[in-house]
Amino acid sequence: MSEVAPAIETFADGETWAYACAGRLTDAIASAIADTGKAVFAGSGGSTPAPIYRRMASADLDWARVAVTLIDERYVPESSPDSNAALLKQTLLTGPAAAARFVPLFHAAVTVDRAAALATRSLVREGGKLDAVLLGMGEDGHICSMFPESPTLKTLLSPVLRPAVLGVPRGRDGAAPNLERLSINLPFLMTARRVVLALTGAAKRVVFEREAAGDPATRPIAALIAAGASFDVLWTEKA
């Protein structure tokens, strides 16, 4: 397995960056459909992916063969302003992409761990593998909901488990996250056909370079590299 960080691909402006990110992802979706007759795309929340999703939404794909899910989600219903599902539906599942089938991570279960088990079952029914993944990264270095100091971090970063969705508790004493969450684990990223890490801003570039050189046991980016996962890093200073 390779432990060399991927090169950071730099784009002059936010428009070319967004088109490049969208193109990598839609190409992977198209390849999966051609190979297997279907595809599964997992996207991230936050403000960064919105321009990427808008470009993906107009792609000439057989969207009816695509299942769309999330890499992580807050443990809230879609009616909440904190819902990643709501953002995805507003920006990606429009126009031609509205024909895709949405597979939520959130389920109204008794506990977040039970909801995670239900989400895992849903993704297993879709084949248990992701074809295209859009990742973002927080300024603390987290991807998905793999937060520093979280009690679930060790399990989420274990490369020997099956692909699964796990519950993530609220952080203690003001630490992130401020809400319970659901997150895919590292094996989902390791087995994906294509992973795109989309970064913007000078600070995020510095964080990525720092995290890539960190401890794979506690740093998600370093764990991704150590596990031999193949992923592209696309960066622009100004989105």
Foldseek 3Di string as FASTA:
>chain_A
DFLDADDEAEDAADVVLLVVLLVVQVVLQQVCCVVPVAAEEAEEADDVNLSNQQVNQPDPDQLLRYEYEYQKFFQDDLVDPRTRVVSNCVRHCDDNNVNHHYQYLHDPDPDQQVSQQVSFVSCVVVVQAHREYEWEADLQQDIFQLHFPWPCNQVLLDQPDRWTKGKTCADPPPGDDNGIMIGIGLNNQQRYNEYEYEEEAPSVVVSLVVLSPDDSSGHVSSSNSVSVGDYHHYYYRYD
